[in-house]
Amino acid sequence: MSKLYLVPTPIGNLDDITLRALKVLKEVDYILAEDTRTSGKLLKHFEISTPMQSHHMHNEHKTVETIVKRLQSGETFALISDAGTPAISDPGFLVTRACVQHNIDVECLPGATAFVPALVNSGLPNDKFVFEGFLPVKKGRQTRLKFLAEEKRTMIFYESPHKLLKTLTHFAEYFGEDRQVSVSRELTKLFEETKRGSIAEVLSYYTEKPAKGEIVIIVDGKK
């Protein structure tokens, strides 16, 4: 029976993959991978020989139609990103929407995603929160920050290490230097670190100690 599986993969520590994820990756006909080189290392580690094909943000608009036709013909696919859960700031939405529109079964497995441990570990309210992912780089950034300055829920952002200081500086400007923030990096890895405090304090810390690795920023909502 044709089906698209959305399969979370570890965000760092390979032990975080589930037994069910391994079973699905071994049994499907094909694996759609954001980066076949990155995913190839994961599959090799777990001795999975299922054939892969590339499915990323630069080609997904072109490949979705073909994938849907192959699913309709009875094939099964698993979609994985480089790390975490597909479609969370990664490719996955377009092919999922297309499958839903064509009445093709879609199943998302539970598993690793970076923002959940970062949020829970932040010490900031997590009963209500909003996931923003990556802020616009240029166009729309200022407008978005002005809008979020009034947000009362805890906010979640993804950021790359070389843009962290710029983003924290913008947060200080639009949210105020005293707003509480938590920055988690290298989650589940050997040098995992979470730095908590006011935006001014955390900005000062990372000015002196440049950050490395993937980053999740949790910002307290407006009081």
Protein backbone atom coordinates (compact mmCIF):
# COMPACT_ATOMS: atom_id res chain seq x y z
CA MET A 1 0.00 0.00 0.00
CA SER A 2 1.43 3.38 -0.99
CA LYS A 3 2.33 5.72 1.87
CA LEU A 4 4.62 8.62 2.65
CA TYR A 5 6.36 8.38 6.02
CA LEU A 6 7.84 11.49 7.60
CA VAL A 7 10.72 10.16 9.68
CA PRO A 8 12.59 12.26 12.29
CA THR A 9 16.34 11.67 12.48
CA PRO A 10 18.75 12.51 15.33
CA ILE A 11 19.80 16.14 15.77
CA GLY A 12 23.20 15.02 17.02
CA ASN A 13 23.30 11.91 19.18
CA LEU A 14 22.61 8.89 16.96
CA ASP A 15 21.14 6.99 19.93
CA ASP A 16 18.08 9.26 19.68
CA ILE A 17 16.67 7.50 16.62
CA THR A 18 13.68 5.28 17.40
CA LEU A 19 13.39 1.57 16.69
CA ARG A 20 10.28 2.32 14.63
CA ALA A 21 12.15 4.86 12.51
CA LEU A 22 14.85 2.29 11.73
CA LYS A 23 12.18 -0.28 10.81
CA VAL A 24 10.44 2.13 8.42
CA LEU A 25 13.69 3.24 6.77
CA LYS A 26 14.58 -0.39 6.10
CA GLU A 27 11.16 -1.38 4.74
CA VAL A 28 10.18 1.50 2.41
CA ASP A 29 11.00 1.39 -1.31
CA TYR A 30 12.85 4.73 -1.35
CA ILE A 31 14.15 7.36 1.05
CA LEU A 32 13.83 11.04 0.13
CA ALA A 33 16.80 12.82 1.71
CA GLU A 34 17.56 16.52 2.07
CA ASP A 35 21.28 15.79 1.58
CA THR A 36 22.14 12.27 0.44
CA ARG A 37 25.73 12.64 1.68
CA THR A 38 24.65 13.53 5.21
CA SER A 39 21.91 10.91 5.30
CA GLY A 40 24.25 8.36 3.73
CA LYS A 41 26.39 8.43 6.88
CA LEU A 42 23.31 7.83 9.04
CA LEU A 43 22.08 4.94 6.91
CA LYS A 44 25.54 3.38 6.79
CA HIS A 45 25.82 3.57 10.59
CA PHE A 46 22.57 1.63 10.99
CA GLU A 47 23.31 -0.71 8.05
CA ILE A 48 20.32 0.48 6.00
CA SER A 49 20.65 -0.12 2.26
CA THR A 50 17.35 1.41 1.05
CA PRO A 51 17.99 3.53 -2.07
CA MET A 52 17.93 7.30 -1.62
CA GLN A 53 17.06 10.20 -3.84
CA SER A 54 17.59 13.92 -3.28
CA HIS A 55 14.67 16.04 -2.06
CA HIS A 56 15.61 19.53 -0.85
CA MET A 57 14.43 23.14 -0.92
CA HIS A 58 16.00 23.78 -4.33
CA ASN A 59 14.34 20.89 -6.18
CA GLU A 60 11.19 20.01 -4.21
CA HIS A 61 8.89 22.13 -6.42
CA LYS A 62 10.05 20.09 -9.42
CA THR A 63 10.06 16.63 -7.82
CA VAL A 64 6.73 16.63 -5.94
CA GLU A 65 4.63 15.70 -8.99
CA THR A 66 6.86 12.73 -9.84
CA ILE A 67 6.87 11.53 -6.22
CA VAL A 68 3.06 11.67 -6.07
CA LYS A 69 2.77 9.62 -9.28
CA ARG A 70 5.16 6.99 -7.93
CA LEU A 71 3.22 6.84 -4.67
CA GLN A 72 -0.01 6.43 -6.64
CA SER A 73 1.60 3.50 -8.46
CA GLY A 74 2.06 1.71 -5.14
CA GLU A 75 5.54 2.65 -3.98
CA THR A 76 6.33 3.70 -0.40
CA PHE A 77 8.62 6.58 0.56
CA ALA A 78 10.23 7.84 3.73
CA LEU A 79 11.16 11.52 3.90
CA ILE A 80 14.07 12.55 6.11
CA SER A 81 15.88 15.85 6.60
CA ASP A 82 19.50 16.32 7.65
CA ALA A 83 18.41 16.33 11.29
CA GLY A 84 15.17 16.51 13.26
CA THR A 85 11.60 16.28 11.99
CA PRO A 86 10.89 16.95 8.30
CA ALA A 87 8.95 20.14 7.46
CA ILE A 88 10.06 21.92 10.66
CA SER A 89 12.23 24.61 8.98
CA ASP A 90 13.15 21.88 6.49
CA PRO A 91 11.64 20.45 3.28
CA GLY A 92 8.50 18.38 3.71
CA PHE A 93 5.45 20.63 3.58
CA LEU A 94 5.04 20.66 -0.21
CA VAL A 95 5.14 16.90 -0.69
CA THR A 96 2.92 16.33 2.38
CA ARG A 97 0.32 18.78 1.08
CA ALA A 98 0.39 17.17 -2.36
CA CYS A 99 -0.16 13.73 -0.85
CA VAL A 100 -3.08 14.97 1.25
CA GLN A 101 -4.63 16.58 -1.86
CA HIS A 102 -4.33 13.28 -3.75
CA ASN A 103 -5.65 11.14 -0.85
CA ILE A 104 -2.29 9.41 -0.35
CA ASP A 105 -1.62 8.14 3.14
CA VAL A 106 0.84 10.25 5.16
CA GLU A 107 2.21 9.18 8.52
CA CYS A 108 4.58 11.24 10.67
CA LEU A 109 6.60 9.32 13.24
CA PRO A 110 7.36 10.95 16.60
CA GLY A 111 10.98 11.73 17.25
CA ALA A 112 13.77 14.27 17.50
CA THR A 113 13.20 17.96 16.91
CA ALA A 114 15.51 20.68 18.23
CA PHE A 115 13.07 23.24 19.60
CA VAL A 116 11.25 21.00 22.11
CA PRO A 117 14.23 20.24 24.40
CA ALA A 118 15.45 23.84 24.02
CA LEU A 119 12.04 25.18 25.08
CA VAL A 120 11.57 22.82 28.01
CA ASN A 121 15.16 23.38 29.17
CA SER A 122 14.92 27.19 28.96
CA GLY A 123 13.11 27.75 32.23
CA LEU A 124 10.76 30.12 30.40
CA PRO A 125 6.98 29.57 30.25
CA ASN A 126 6.12 26.75 27.85
CA ASP A 127 2.37 26.44 28.36
CA LYS A 128 1.90 28.75 25.36
CA PHE A 129 4.53 29.40 22.71
CA VAL A 130 4.99 30.43 19.08
CA PHE A 131 7.52 28.84 16.73
CA GLU A 132 9.09 31.43 14.40
CA GLY A 133 11.94 29.34 12.95
CA PHE A 134 14.43 31.48 11.02
CA LEU A 135 13.72 35.21 10.86
CA PRO A 136 13.75 36.86 7.42
CA VAL A 137 17.34 37.73 6.54
CA LYS A 138 16.61 41.15 5.00
CA LYS A 139 13.20 41.93 3.55
CA GLY A 140 10.50 41.76 6.20
CA ARG A 141 12.86 41.33 9.16
CA GLN A 142 12.18 44.72 10.72
CA THR A 143 8.43 44.37 10.22
CA ARG A 144 8.46 40.93 11.84
CA LEU A 145 10.48 42.08 14.84
CA LYS A 146 8.14 45.05 15.39
CA PHE A 147 5.18 42.67 15.34
CA LEU A 148 6.84 40.17 17.71
CA ALA A 149 7.74 42.93 20.20
CA GLU A 150 4.08 42.73 21.32
CA GLU A 151 3.94 38.91 21.42
CA LYS A 152 2.99 37.68 24.91
CA ARG A 153 3.77 33.99 24.31
CA THR A 154 7.26 32.50 24.57
CA MET A 155 8.98 32.73 21.16
CA ILE A 156 11.20 30.13 19.50
CA PHE A 157 13.78 30.95 16.83
CA TYR A 158 16.40 29.00 14.90
CA GLU A 159 19.69 30.71 14.06
CA SER A 160 23.09 29.96 12.59
CA PRO A 161 26.18 30.69 14.71
CA HIS A 162 27.56 33.47 12.51
CA LYS A 163 24.27 35.40 12.73
CA LEU A 164 23.66 34.93 16.46
CA LEU A 165 25.15 38.26 17.61
CA LYS A 166 23.26 40.19 14.95
CA THR A 167 19.98 38.55 15.95
CA LEU A 168 20.53 39.09 19.69
CA THR A 169 21.39 42.74 18.98
CA HIS A 170 18.10 43.11 17.07
CA PHE A 171 16.24 41.43 19.95
CA ALA A 172 17.76 43.92 22.41
CA GLU A 173 16.69 46.77 20.14
CA TYR A 174 13.10 45.63 19.59
CA PHE A 175 12.34 43.61 22.76
CA GLY A 176 14.53 45.47 25.28
CA GLU A 177 17.85 44.43 26.81
CA ASP A 178 16.20 43.11 29.99
CA ARG A 179 13.95 40.58 28.21
CA GLN A 180 14.83 37.05 29.33
CA VAL A 181 16.32 34.69 26.76
CA SER A 182 17.77 31.18 26.57
CA VAL A 183 20.23 30.11 23.88
CA SER A 184 20.78 26.38 23.35
CA ARG A 185 23.42 25.06 20.97
CA GLU A 186 24.85 21.68 19.99
CA LEU A 187 21.81 19.94 21.51
CA THR A 188 22.39 16.23 22.32
CA LYS A 189 26.06 16.56 21.31
CA LEU A 190 29.25 16.44 23.39
CA PHE A 191 29.54 20.22 23.80
CA GLU A 192 25.85 20.94 24.40
CA GLU A 193 25.34 24.30 26.10
CA THR A 194 22.41 26.40 27.27
CA LYS A 195 23.01 30.01 28.28
CA ARG A 196 20.19 31.80 30.10
CA GLY A 197 19.76 35.41 31.22
CA SER A 198 18.74 38.81 29.94
CA ILE A 199 19.34 39.54 26.26
CA ALA A 200 22.13 41.94 27.30
CA GLU A 201 23.84 39.27 29.42
CA VAL A 202 23.63 36.56 26.78
CA LEU A 203 24.77 38.96 24.05
CA SER A 204 27.80 39.90 26.18
CA TYR A 205 28.60 36.22 26.79
CA TYR A 206 28.59 35.26 23.11
CA THR A 207 30.47 38.42 22.12
CA GLU A 208 33.35 37.15 24.25
CA LYS A 209 32.81 33.48 23.41
CA PRO A 210 31.68 33.05 19.77
CA ALA A 211 29.08 30.32 19.36
CA LYS A 212 29.48 27.20 17.27
CA GLY A 213 26.91 24.67 16.09
CA GLU A 214 23.19 24.80 15.44
CA ILE A 215 21.31 27.23 17.69
CA VAL A 216 17.81 27.52 19.19
CA ILE A 217 16.85 30.81 20.83
CA ILE A 218 13.97 30.98 23.30
CA VAL A 219 12.68 34.47 24.13
CA ASP A 220 10.26 35.36 26.90
CA GLY A 221 7.02 36.99 25.78
CA LYS A 222 6.06 40.56 26.61
CA LYS A 223 4.80 40.93 30.18
